[in-house]
């Protein structure tokens, strides 16, 4: 590693740890984008290689008095997300949370009785879980290892390991390619990219990170989550780093579907 790059990485790591200094434990190689809000009146522990984004929209971790947030290794949380615990919220190793995810282990009030104490039920997110954008996890939600939660879903109760769910409330859906004749892999990759990068129209397959300004590190994460949710196949970050155009992404997906 070049000295300048090593210094840059060291400086970035130091700043990230400063921004997470209110946490009780912070693992190695953590990265923070923007300035997340950390409220810790209970206990917050974070594993190795954690990444949280608070740009362009603020994210926050809030452990109220007596509450606990436990985050495993290799967890990534996108911008605009809010994790709030009065009891316990656990996020397993390798899980990824999309933008604007909301997780609350209490309703904070009892309907019709302002003086009543709200119930608290732990939230447990297993290992290798993929949670899309604008997903809400209500108190008592338990998500099994390897489950995929599609964009805009509302969760309550137990989600089985490996399940793929969507809706309000979330329900299991089928895996694999949909049967619409005009929706080829290429078409669906372009559609996912349009959503992930916030584009006004679907981009051409020939376009890549050099032409799409939103295709930065966060954009890559959004694209990765979107592709995994759309096609129901796991993709590695190292694999996605080799992708330079949407045509490359379509080739990766086609290969993954053949191997599934």
Protein backbone atom coordinates (compact mmCIF):
# COMPACT_ATOMS: atom_id res chain seq x y z
CA UNK A 1 0.00 0.00 0.00
CA UNK A 2 1.32 3.44 -0.92
CA UNK A 3 2.19 5.72 2.03
CA UNK A 4 -0.34 8.38 0.97
CA UNK A 5 -3.13 5.81 0.71
CA UNK A 6 -2.14 4.20 4.03
CA UNK A 7 -2.23 7.63 5.69
CA UNK A 8 -5.62 8.38 4.14
CA UNK A 9 -7.05 5.07 5.38
CA UNK A 10 -5.63 5.62 8.86
CA UNK A 11 -7.09 9.12 9.01
CA UNK A 12 -10.48 7.88 7.83
CA UNK A 13 -10.46 5.11 10.44
CA UNK A 14 -9.57 7.58 13.21
CA UNK A 15 -12.37 9.96 12.22
CA UNK A 16 -14.83 7.06 12.09
CA UNK A 17 -13.90 5.92 15.59
CA UNK A 18 -14.28 9.49 16.88
CA UNK A 19 -17.78 9.68 15.39
CA UNK A 20 -18.64 6.36 17.11
CA UNK A 21 -16.97 7.24 20.41
CA UNK A 22 -20.24 7.12 22.38
CA UNK A 23 -20.50 3.38 21.70
CA UNK A 24 -19.29 0.97 24.39
CA UNK A 25 -17.27 -1.12 21.95
CA UNK A 26 -16.17 -0.45 18.38
CA UNK A 27 -14.38 -3.13 16.37
CA UNK A 28 -11.54 -2.80 13.88
CA UNK A 29 -11.71 -1.25 10.39
CA UNK A 30 -14.97 0.63 10.87
CA UNK A 31 -15.96 3.35 8.40
CA UNK A 32 -18.47 6.16 8.73
CA UNK A 33 -19.78 8.40 5.98
CA UNK A 34 -21.29 11.66 7.18
CA UNK A 35 -22.13 12.26 10.84
CA UNK A 36 -24.58 9.76 12.32
CA UNK A 37 -26.37 10.59 15.55
CA UNK A 38 -25.40 8.24 18.40
CA UNK A 39 -27.53 8.30 21.56
CA UNK A 40 -26.28 5.85 24.16
CA UNK A 41 -27.97 5.75 27.53
CA UNK A 42 -27.75 1.94 27.56
CA UNK A 43 -25.19 -0.13 25.68
CA UNK A 44 -24.08 -0.17 22.04
CA UNK A 45 -21.46 -2.62 20.74
CA UNK A 46 -20.17 -2.75 17.17
CA UNK A 47 -18.15 -5.50 15.48
CA UNK A 48 -15.33 -5.38 12.96
CA UNK A 49 -15.59 -3.84 9.48
CA UNK A 50 -18.81 -2.01 10.27
CA UNK A 51 -19.96 0.69 7.84
CA UNK A 52 -22.70 3.25 8.38
CA UNK A 53 -23.67 6.09 6.09
CA UNK A 54 -25.33 9.31 7.27
CA UNK A 55 -25.02 11.10 3.92
CA UNK A 56 -26.97 12.57 2.26
CA UNK A 57 -29.56 11.83 4.98
CA UNK A 58 -28.75 11.37 8.68
CA UNK A 59 -28.75 7.90 10.27
CA UNK A 60 -28.94 7.25 13.99
CA UNK A 61 -28.33 4.57 16.60
CA UNK A 62 -30.24 5.10 19.83
CA UNK A 63 -30.04 2.90 22.93
CA UNK A 64 -32.35 4.32 25.59
CA UNK A 65 -31.85 3.70 29.30
CA UNK A 66 -31.67 -0.06 29.78
CA UNK A 67 -31.60 -0.64 26.03
CA UNK A 68 -28.98 -2.52 24.04
CA UNK A 69 -27.89 -2.49 20.39
CA UNK A 70 -25.50 -5.25 19.39
CA UNK A 71 -24.06 -5.16 15.85
CA UNK A 72 -21.95 -8.03 14.53
CA UNK A 73 -19.02 -8.09 12.10
CA UNK A 74 -19.25 -6.94 8.46
CA UNK A 75 -22.56 -5.13 8.91
CA UNK A 76 -23.48 -2.23 6.61
CA UNK A 77 -26.20 0.36 7.23
CA UNK A 78 -27.18 2.84 4.51
CA UNK A 79 -28.21 6.47 4.96
CA UNK A 80 -31.43 7.65 6.58
CA UNK A 81 -31.74 4.58 8.82
CA UNK A 82 -32.83 4.65 12.44
CA UNK A 83 -32.17 1.87 14.98
CA UNK A 84 -33.81 2.55 18.34
CA UNK A 85 -33.77 0.18 21.33
CA UNK A 86 -35.44 0.42 24.71
CA UNK A 87 -34.88 -3.31 25.17
CA UNK A 88 -32.66 -5.16 22.72
CA UNK A 89 -31.86 -5.02 19.00
CA UNK A 90 -29.32 -7.46 17.55
CA UNK A 91 -27.91 -7.40 14.00
CA UNK A 92 -26.00 -10.53 12.95
CA UNK A 93 -22.72 -10.81 11.06
CA UNK A 94 -22.72 -9.87 7.39
CA UNK A 95 -26.18 -8.30 7.33
CA UNK A 96 -26.92 -5.26 5.18
CA UNK A 97 -29.57 -2.64 5.82
CA UNK A 98 -30.69 -0.37 2.98
CA UNK A 99 -31.57 3.31 3.10
CA UNK A 100 -34.31 4.59 5.43
CA UNK A 101 -34.66 1.37 7.42
CA UNK A 102 -36.54 1.88 10.69
CA UNK A 103 -36.18 -0.62 13.57
CA UNK A 104 -37.95 0.01 16.90
CA UNK A 105 -38.37 -2.54 19.67
CA UNK A 106 -41.25 -0.58 21.23
CA UNK A 107 -44.31 1.34 20.05
CA UNK A 108 -43.42 4.14 22.51
CA UNK A 109 -47.06 4.53 23.53
CA UNK A 110 -50.29 2.62 24.18
CA UNK A 111 -53.20 3.67 21.99
CA UNK A 112 -55.96 5.27 24.04
CA UNK A 113 -53.95 5.40 27.30
CA UNK A 114 -51.28 8.09 27.50
CA UNK A 115 -50.25 7.00 31.02
CA UNK A 116 -49.68 3.32 30.18
CA UNK A 117 -46.16 1.94 29.68
CA UNK A 118 -45.50 0.74 26.15
CA UNK A 119 -44.54 -2.90 25.60
CA UNK A 120 -40.98 -3.76 24.59
CA UNK A 121 -40.10 -6.83 22.49
CA UNK A 122 -36.57 -7.57 21.20
CA UNK A 123 -35.70 -7.35 17.51
CA UNK A 124 -33.30 -9.99 16.18
CA UNK A 125 -31.76 -9.79 12.72
CA UNK A 126 -29.85 -12.94 11.82
CA UNK A 127 -26.61 -13.43 9.91
CA UNK A 128 -26.36 -12.55 6.21
CA UNK A 129 -29.76 -10.83 6.10
CA UNK A 130 -30.51 -8.40 3.24
CA UNK A 131 -32.94 -5.61 4.12
CA UNK A 132 -34.01 -3.25 1.34
CA UNK A 133 -34.79 0.45 1.36
CA UNK A 134 -37.63 1.97 3.43
CA UNK A 135 -38.27 -1.22 5.42
CA UNK A 136 -39.85 -0.93 8.87
CA UNK A 137 -39.19 -3.51 11.62
CA UNK A 138 -41.72 -3.43 14.44
CA UNK A 139 -41.13 -4.71 17.97
CA UNK A 140 -40.75 -8.48 18.25
CA UNK A 141 -39.49 -8.94 14.70
CA UNK A 142 -37.15 -11.94 14.33
CA UNK A 143 -35.44 -12.44 10.96
CA UNK A 144 -33.72 -15.76 10.28
CA UNK A 145 -30.27 -16.10 8.74
CA UNK A 146 -29.99 -15.35 5.04
CA UNK A 147 -33.47 -13.86 4.65
CA UNK A 148 -34.15 -11.12 2.09
CA UNK A 149 -36.58 -8.28 2.80
CA UNK A 150 -37.68 -6.31 -0.26
CA UNK A 151 -38.07 -2.53 -0.44
CA UNK A 152 -40.95 -0.88 1.41
CA UNK A 153 -41.89 -3.89 3.53
CA UNK A 154 -43.37 -3.78 7.03
CA UNK A 155 -42.25 -6.58 9.35
CA UNK A 156 -43.75 -7.97 12.51
CA UNK A 157 -43.25 -11.43 13.97
CA UNK A 158 -40.90 -14.13 12.70
CA UNK A 159 -39.33 -14.38 9.24
CA UNK A 160 -37.90 -17.82 8.45
CA UNK A 161 -34.24 -18.32 7.58
CA UNK A 162 -33.64 -17.96 3.85
CA UNK A 163 -37.12 -16.52 3.21
CA UNK A 164 -37.75 -13.77 0.67
CA UNK A 165 -40.57 -11.49 1.78
CA UNK A 166 -42.32 -8.34 0.63
CA UNK A 167 -45.38 -6.25 1.40
CA UNK A 168 -47.32 -4.52 4.18
CA UNK A 169 -47.34 -6.66 6.21
CA UNK A 170 -44.49 -8.68 4.68
CA UNK A 171 -45.38 -12.08 3.22
CA UNK A 172 -43.20 -14.78 1.61
CA UNK A 173 -42.83 -14.58 -2.16
CA UNK A 174 -41.42 -16.96 -4.77
CA UNK A 175 -37.79 -17.00 -5.82
CA UNK A 176 -36.22 -16.95 -9.24
CA UNK A 177 -36.98 -15.15 -12.49
CA UNK A 178 -40.41 -13.68 -13.03
CA UNK A 179 -42.27 -14.86 -16.09
CA UNK A 180 -42.92 -11.58 -17.92
CA UNK A 181 -41.70 -12.09 -21.46
CA UNK A 182 -40.27 -8.60 -21.87
CA UNK A 183 -38.34 -8.62 -18.58
CA UNK A 184 -34.98 -10.08 -19.52
CA UNK A 185 -32.02 -10.02 -17.15
CA UNK A 186 -30.66 -6.99 -19.03
CA UNK A 187 -33.94 -5.10 -18.67
CA UNK A 188 -34.24 -5.88 -14.95
CA UNK A 189 -30.63 -4.89 -14.24
CA UNK A 190 -31.26 -1.53 -15.92
CA UNK A 191 -34.45 -1.10 -13.90
CA UNK A 192 -32.64 -1.88 -10.62
CA UNK A 193 -29.88 0.58 -11.55
CA UNK A 194 -32.42 3.31 -12.21
CA UNK A 195 -33.82 2.89 -8.68
CA UNK A 196 -30.44 2.45 -7.00
CA UNK A 197 -28.93 5.56 -8.55
CA UNK A 198 -32.08 7.71 -8.54
CA UNK A 199 -32.05 8.22 -12.32
CA UNK A 200 -34.90 9.77 -14.30
CA UNK A 201 -34.75 7.02 -16.93
CA UNK A 202 -33.32 3.54 -17.26
CA UNK A 203 -29.61 3.73 -18.15
CA UNK A 204 -28.06 1.90 -21.09
CA UNK A 205 -26.14 -1.29 -20.36
CA UNK A 206 -22.95 0.30 -21.71
CA UNK A 207 -22.92 2.92 -18.95
CA UNK A 208 -20.79 2.41 -15.84
CA UNK A 209 -19.36 4.17 -12.81
CA UNK A 210 -17.40 6.55 -15.05
CA UNK A 211 -20.63 7.92 -16.56
CA UNK A 212 -23.08 7.60 -13.63
CA UNK A 213 -22.15 10.12 -10.94
CA UNK A 214 -24.20 8.36 -8.23
CA UNK A 215 -22.19 5.15 -8.75
CA UNK A 216 -19.89 5.71 -5.77
CA UNK A 217 -19.27 3.35 -2.83
CA UNK A 218 -22.78 3.93 -1.46
CA UNK A 219 -24.25 3.59 -4.93
CA UNK A 220 -22.46 0.26 -5.32
CA UNK A 221 -24.05 -0.94 -2.05
CA UNK A 222 -27.51 0.20 -3.21
CA UNK A 223 -27.03 -1.56 -6.54
CA UNK A 224 -25.82 -4.73 -4.81
CA UNK A 225 -28.82 -4.82 -2.47
CA UNK A 226 -31.20 -4.09 -5.33
CA UNK A 227 -29.80 -6.86 -7.53
CA UNK A 228 -29.87 -9.40 -4.69
CA UNK A 229 -33.50 -8.52 -3.94
CA UNK A 230 -34.58 -8.52 -7.58
CA UNK A 231 -33.02 -11.85 -8.54
CA UNK A 232 -32.90 -13.69 -5.21
CA UNK A 233 -29.21 -14.61 -5.50
CA UNK A 234 -26.34 -13.65 -3.14
CA UNK A 235 -23.59 -11.44 -4.54
CA UNK A 236 -20.21 -10.69 -2.96
CA UNK A 237 -18.82 -7.18 -2.55
CA UNK A 238 -15.52 -8.27 -4.12
CA UNK A 239 -17.50 -9.59 -7.06
CA UNK A 240 -19.28 -6.27 -7.46
CA UNK A 241 -16.03 -4.30 -7.29
CA UNK A 242 -15.03 -5.95 -10.58
CA UNK A 243 -18.20 -4.63 -12.22
CA UNK A 244 -17.45 -1.52 -14.26
CA UNK A 245 -20.63 -1.30 -16.37
CA UNK A 246 -24.22 -2.44 -16.17
CA UNK A 247 -23.41 -4.99 -18.86
CA UNK A 248 -20.87 -6.48 -16.43
CA UNK A 249 -23.56 -6.57 -13.74
CA UNK A 250 -25.97 -8.38 -16.07
CA UNK A 251 -23.27 -10.96 -16.86
CA UNK A 252 -22.61 -11.51 -13.13
CA UNK A 253 -26.34 -12.01 -12.49
CA UNK A 254 -26.75 -14.43 -15.40
CA UNK A 255 -23.84 -16.50 -14.10
CA UNK A 256 -25.24 -16.48 -10.55
CA UNK A 257 -28.64 -17.64 -11.79
CA UNK A 258 -27.04 -20.50 -13.71
CA UNK A 259 -25.13 -21.57 -10.60
CA UNK A 260 -28.17 -21.31 -8.28
